[in-house]
Protein backbone atom coordinates (compact mmCIF):
# COMPACT_ATOMS: atom_id res chain seq x y z
CA MET A 1 176.66 20.43 -52.71
CA VAL A 2 175.29 16.97 -53.44
CA HIS A 3 177.43 15.06 -55.90
CA LEU A 4 176.43 12.14 -58.07
CA LYS A 5 178.52 9.79 -55.92
CA THR A 6 176.47 10.84 -52.88
CA PHE A 7 173.26 10.25 -54.80
CA LEU A 8 174.37 6.78 -55.83
CA SER A 9 175.48 5.97 -52.29
CA ALA A 10 172.01 6.94 -51.11
CA LEU A 11 170.59 4.22 -53.33
CA VAL A 12 172.79 1.68 -51.58
CA LEU A 13 171.61 2.99 -48.21
CA LEU A 14 168.00 2.74 -49.36
CA SER A 15 168.67 -0.85 -50.41
CA GLY A 16 170.01 -1.59 -46.95
CA LEU A 17 166.92 -0.13 -45.31
CA ILE A 18 164.73 -2.28 -47.54
CA LEU A 19 166.73 -5.36 -46.59
CA SER A 20 166.35 -4.62 -42.90
CA GLY A 21 162.62 -4.38 -43.35
CA CYS A 22 162.44 -7.68 -45.18
CA ALA A 23 162.95 -9.64 -42.01
CA SER A 24 159.41 -8.84 -40.89
CA VAL A 25 157.75 -9.78 -44.16
CA GLN A 26 155.88 -13.06 -44.18
CA GLY A 27 156.90 -15.00 -47.28
CA PRO A 28 155.55 -18.14 -48.95
CA THR A 29 157.31 -21.48 -49.20
CA GLU A 30 159.34 -20.72 -52.36
CA GLU A 31 162.88 -21.49 -51.20
CA HIS A 32 164.72 -18.80 -53.15
CA ASP A 33 161.96 -16.22 -52.68
CA PRO A 34 161.05 -16.16 -48.98
CA PHE A 35 159.98 -12.50 -49.17
CA GLU A 36 157.61 -12.91 -52.09
CA SER A 37 154.83 -10.79 -50.57
CA TYR A 38 157.21 -7.84 -50.21
CA ASN A 39 158.83 -8.52 -53.57
CA ARG A 40 155.49 -8.60 -55.39
CA ALA A 41 154.51 -5.28 -53.84
CA MET A 42 157.81 -3.70 -54.87
CA TYR A 43 157.54 -5.27 -58.33
CA THR A 44 154.10 -3.67 -58.71
CA PHE A 45 155.48 -0.32 -57.55
CA ASN A 46 158.39 -0.44 -59.99
CA ASP A 47 156.12 -1.58 -62.82
CA THR A 48 153.67 1.25 -62.16
CA VAL A 49 156.43 3.88 -62.16
CA ASP A 50 157.97 2.34 -65.26
CA LYS A 51 154.75 2.31 -67.27
CA ALA A 52 153.78 5.81 -66.16
CA VAL A 53 157.12 7.57 -66.61
CA ILE A 54 160.24 5.62 -67.48
CA LYS A 55 159.04 3.44 -70.36
CA PRO A 56 157.31 6.33 -72.22
CA VAL A 57 160.48 8.41 -71.94
CA ALA A 58 162.57 5.49 -73.23
CA GLU A 59 160.19 4.91 -76.15
CA THR A 60 160.25 8.62 -77.05
CA TYR A 61 164.04 8.60 -76.90
CA LYS A 62 164.17 5.52 -79.13
CA ASP A 63 161.68 6.96 -81.65
CA TYR A 64 163.04 10.49 -81.98
CA VAL A 65 166.76 10.45 -81.19
CA PRO A 66 168.79 9.54 -84.31
CA ASN A 67 170.15 5.99 -84.26
CA PRO A 68 173.82 7.08 -84.58
CA VAL A 69 173.39 9.25 -81.48
CA GLN A 70 171.75 6.41 -79.56
CA THR A 71 174.58 4.08 -80.56
CA GLY A 72 177.19 6.60 -79.47
CA VAL A 73 175.50 7.10 -76.09
CA SER A 74 175.24 3.33 -75.54
CA ASN A 75 178.87 2.86 -76.51
CA PHE A 76 179.96 5.65 -74.15
CA PHE A 77 178.22 4.20 -71.11
CA SER A 78 179.28 0.68 -72.07
CA ASN A 79 182.89 1.85 -72.07
CA LEU A 80 182.46 3.28 -68.58
CA GLY A 81 180.95 -0.03 -67.46
CA ASP A 82 184.01 -1.85 -68.74
CA VAL A 83 185.97 -0.24 -65.89
CA VAL A 84 183.80 -2.11 -63.37
CA THR A 85 184.26 -5.28 -65.40
CA LEU A 86 188.06 -4.86 -65.41
CA PHE A 87 188.11 -4.35 -61.64
CA ASN A 88 186.17 -7.56 -61.11
CA ASP A 89 188.23 -9.47 -63.69
CA VAL A 90 191.23 -8.92 -61.45
CA LEU A 91 189.37 -9.83 -58.26
CA GLN A 92 188.20 -13.08 -59.87
CA GLY A 93 191.67 -13.98 -61.09
CA LYS A 94 190.68 -13.72 -64.77
CA PHE A 95 193.92 -12.07 -65.75
CA GLU A 96 193.81 -12.91 -69.46
CA GLN A 97 190.30 -11.47 -69.67
CA ALA A 98 191.47 -8.46 -67.64
CA ALA A 99 194.22 -7.80 -70.19
CA SER A 100 191.65 -7.98 -72.99
CA ASP A 101 189.24 -5.66 -71.18
CA PHE A 102 192.03 -3.20 -70.34
CA SER A 103 192.98 -3.06 -74.02
CA ARG A 104 189.33 -2.63 -74.89
CA ILE A 105 189.05 0.40 -72.59
CA ILE A 106 192.24 1.95 -73.96
CA TRP A 107 191.23 1.55 -77.61
CA ASN A 108 187.63 2.69 -77.15
CA THR A 109 188.64 5.65 -74.99
CA SER A 110 191.36 6.86 -77.36
CA VAL A 111 190.59 5.86 -80.94
CA GLY A 112 186.89 5.49 -80.12
CA LEU A 113 186.70 9.07 -78.81
CA PHE A 114 185.92 8.38 -75.14
CA GLY A 115 183.92 5.33 -76.05
CA LEU A 116 181.51 6.91 -78.54
CA PHE A 117 182.73 4.41 -81.13
CA ASN A 118 183.14 0.75 -80.24
CA VAL A 119 186.33 0.07 -82.18
CA ALA A 120 187.51 -2.64 -79.78
CA SER A 121 184.83 -5.14 -80.77
CA HIS A 122 186.21 -5.04 -84.31
CA MET A 123 189.69 -5.84 -82.97
CA ASP A 124 188.91 -9.23 -81.44
CA LEU A 125 188.40 -7.62 -78.03
CA PRO A 126 184.93 -8.84 -77.01
CA LYS A 127 182.87 -7.20 -74.30
CA HIS A 128 182.52 -9.04 -70.99
CA ASP A 129 180.16 -8.49 -68.10
CA GLU A 130 181.48 -8.82 -64.56
CA ASP A 131 180.32 -7.20 -61.33
CA PHE A 132 181.01 -7.62 -57.64
CA GLY A 133 177.98 -9.85 -57.19
CA GLN A 134 179.62 -12.31 -59.58
CA THR A 135 182.93 -11.85 -57.79
CA LEU A 136 181.30 -12.78 -54.48
CA ALA A 137 179.86 -15.88 -56.17
CA VAL A 138 183.34 -16.87 -57.38
CA TRP A 139 184.58 -16.42 -53.83
CA GLY A 140 181.94 -18.89 -52.64
CA VAL A 141 179.26 -16.54 -51.29
CA SER A 142 175.78 -18.02 -51.83
CA ASP A 143 173.20 -15.97 -53.69
CA GLY A 144 170.77 -15.68 -50.78
CA PRO A 145 167.10 -14.77 -51.15
CA TYR A 146 165.67 -13.09 -54.22
CA LEU A 147 164.84 -9.40 -53.74
CA VAL A 148 163.16 -6.67 -55.75
CA LEU A 149 164.62 -3.26 -54.91
CA PRO A 150 162.93 0.10 -55.53
CA PHE A 151 163.85 1.42 -58.99
CA LEU A 152 166.83 -0.97 -59.17
CA GLY A 153 164.63 -3.99 -59.83
CA PRO A 154 165.46 -7.70 -59.33
CA ARG A 155 168.50 -8.70 -57.32
CA THR A 156 169.63 -11.38 -54.92
CA LEU A 157 170.96 -10.61 -51.45
CA ARG A 158 174.48 -11.25 -52.75
CA ASP A 159 174.00 -8.97 -55.77
CA THR A 160 172.52 -6.26 -53.55
CA GLY A 161 175.63 -6.38 -51.39
CA GLY A 162 177.72 -6.16 -54.55
CA LEU A 163 176.22 -2.74 -55.29
CA ALA A 164 178.20 -1.35 -52.36
CA ILE A 165 181.36 -1.98 -54.42
CA ASP A 166 180.04 -1.63 -57.99
CA ILE A 167 178.64 1.88 -57.47
CA PRO A 168 181.77 3.49 -55.98
CA THR A 169 184.00 1.86 -58.61
CA HIS A 170 181.87 3.04 -61.56
CA PRO A 171 183.33 6.11 -63.31
CA LEU A 172 179.99 7.91 -63.03
CA SER A 173 180.71 8.11 -59.30
CA TYR A 174 183.67 10.36 -60.08
CA PRO A 175 182.32 13.22 -62.24
CA VAL A 176 184.93 15.23 -64.08
CA ILE A 177 182.90 18.44 -63.77
CA LYS A 178 181.59 20.07 -60.59
CA ASP A 179 178.04 20.50 -61.81
CA ASP A 180 175.42 18.52 -59.96
CA LYS A 181 172.74 19.06 -62.60
CA ALA A 182 175.04 17.82 -65.36
CA ASN A 183 176.07 14.81 -63.29
CA LEU A 184 172.47 13.87 -62.53
CA ALA A 185 171.59 14.37 -66.20
CA ALA A 186 174.36 11.92 -67.12
CA LEU A 187 173.00 9.40 -64.63
CA GLY A 188 169.48 9.88 -66.00
CA LEU A 189 170.68 9.41 -69.57
CA ALA A 190 172.49 6.21 -68.59
CA PHE A 191 169.29 4.94 -66.97
CA ILE A 192 167.18 5.73 -70.03
CA ASP A 193 169.78 4.18 -72.32
CA LYS A 194 169.61 0.93 -70.33
CA ARG A 195 165.80 1.06 -70.35
CA VAL A 196 165.81 1.39 -74.15
CA GLU A 197 167.94 -1.76 -74.36
CA LEU A 198 165.33 -3.60 -72.30
CA LEU A 199 162.29 -2.56 -74.36
CA THR A 200 162.28 -5.86 -76.25
CA ALA A 201 162.59 -7.79 -72.99
CA SER A 202 159.59 -5.85 -71.67
CA LYS A 203 157.58 -6.81 -74.74
CA VAL A 204 158.44 -10.49 -74.19
CA LEU A 205 157.42 -10.15 -70.54
CA ASP A 206 154.10 -8.49 -71.36
CA GLU A 207 153.14 -10.92 -74.11
CA ALA A 208 154.31 -14.24 -72.74
CA ALA A 209 153.87 -14.26 -69.00
CA LEU A 210 150.79 -15.53 -67.18
CA ASP A 211 152.48 -14.31 -64.00
CA PRO A 212 154.97 -11.56 -64.97
CA TYR A 213 156.51 -11.52 -61.50
CA VAL A 214 157.45 -15.22 -61.53
CA PHE A 215 158.49 -14.97 -65.18
CA MET A 216 160.90 -12.12 -64.43
CA ARG A 217 162.22 -13.78 -61.28
CA GLU A 218 163.12 -17.07 -62.98
CA ALA A 219 164.59 -15.35 -66.04
CA TYR A 220 166.72 -13.08 -63.84
CA LEU A 221 168.03 -15.92 -61.70
CA GLN A 222 168.87 -18.00 -64.78
CA HIS A 223 170.55 -15.00 -66.40
CA ARG A 224 172.71 -14.42 -63.33
CA LEU A 225 173.61 -18.10 -63.18
CA ASN A 226 174.84 -17.94 -66.77
CA LEU A 227 176.86 -14.79 -66.07
CA ILE A 228 178.54 -16.28 -62.99
CA TYR A 229 179.60 -19.39 -64.91
CA ASP A 230 180.41 -17.52 -68.14
CA GLY A 231 177.57 -19.21 -70.00
CA GLN A 232 178.47 -22.73 -68.84
CA PRO A 233 176.71 -23.42 -65.52
CA PRO A 234 177.15 -26.93 -64.08
CA GLN A 235 174.44 -29.40 -65.03
CA GLU A 236 173.25 -29.88 -61.44
CA LYS A 237 172.38 -26.20 -61.25
CA MET A 238 170.72 -26.28 -64.64
CA ASP A 239 168.59 -29.22 -63.48
CA LEU A 240 167.05 -26.96 -60.84
CA LYS A 241 165.59 -24.83 -63.63
CA ASN A 242 162.71 -25.70 -65.90
CA ASP A 243 162.62 -22.83 -68.37
CA GLY A 244 160.04 -22.75 -71.11
CA ASP A 245 160.61 -21.16 -74.50
CA ALA A 246 159.28 -17.82 -73.29
CA ASP A 247 161.62 -17.82 -70.27
CA LEU A 248 164.56 -18.52 -72.55
CA GLU A 249 163.50 -15.73 -74.90
CA LEU A 250 163.42 -13.22 -72.06
CA GLU A 251 166.77 -14.48 -70.78
CA LEU A 252 168.28 -13.95 -74.23
CA GLU A 253 166.96 -10.40 -74.32
CA LEU A 254 168.43 -9.73 -70.87
CA ASP A 255 171.74 -11.10 -72.12
CA LYS A 256 171.65 -8.86 -75.20
CA SER A 257 171.15 -5.82 -72.98
CA THR A 258 174.46 -6.51 -71.23
CA THR A 259 176.46 -7.22 -74.40
CA PRO A 260 176.35 -4.23 -76.78
């Protein structure tokens, strides 16, 4: 019997296979994107699948599922994600934030009925966003080349490696029922819920970008930089960026999608 954890682990293995193949790809001179030819091909693949299947499903979900239900689903998966954040709080030595996030999980899981209601945000317990890619950055690991992974989208080499820890520590990797179909349905619903959150970002991308690939790449890298430094990256790193208004708008939408 194939469990959800096995399915998620397969995605990590697929990512590793993609990385091993990257070495033979001839890339342009862009320093942080040496595999651009591969990345553009994978971006096109992901975009084609998204427009043909994933985005229409997300739009139908948004249009026809009642807003209170959508909010409850988002809150539920956000609460599960807080477990990953708490784990990385501790690894990064952010113990005060870890205490806050632990309290957030307890309140939302109990009073909030397993996270369906986000009561913690009304109790001065803000949501944070930490993952093992950020933890590696805190430990001094460089981001490495930019990569676009199948279905998983934009990453850096460091963030891709972080998936090997983030996936096994996510509660969805430990289903409470022994029903593969139900577990995969939960994973699919989480994916669609995240895609709904990114619909506005997609609109910004479609309307503003002369080169959507470059637009997404720069917005993603800036977004990750802000997450790693908790919204206050050092000026020398900011000087390496030259974001226009449209880039900043997309970055803001990406940020909103990680802070329900």
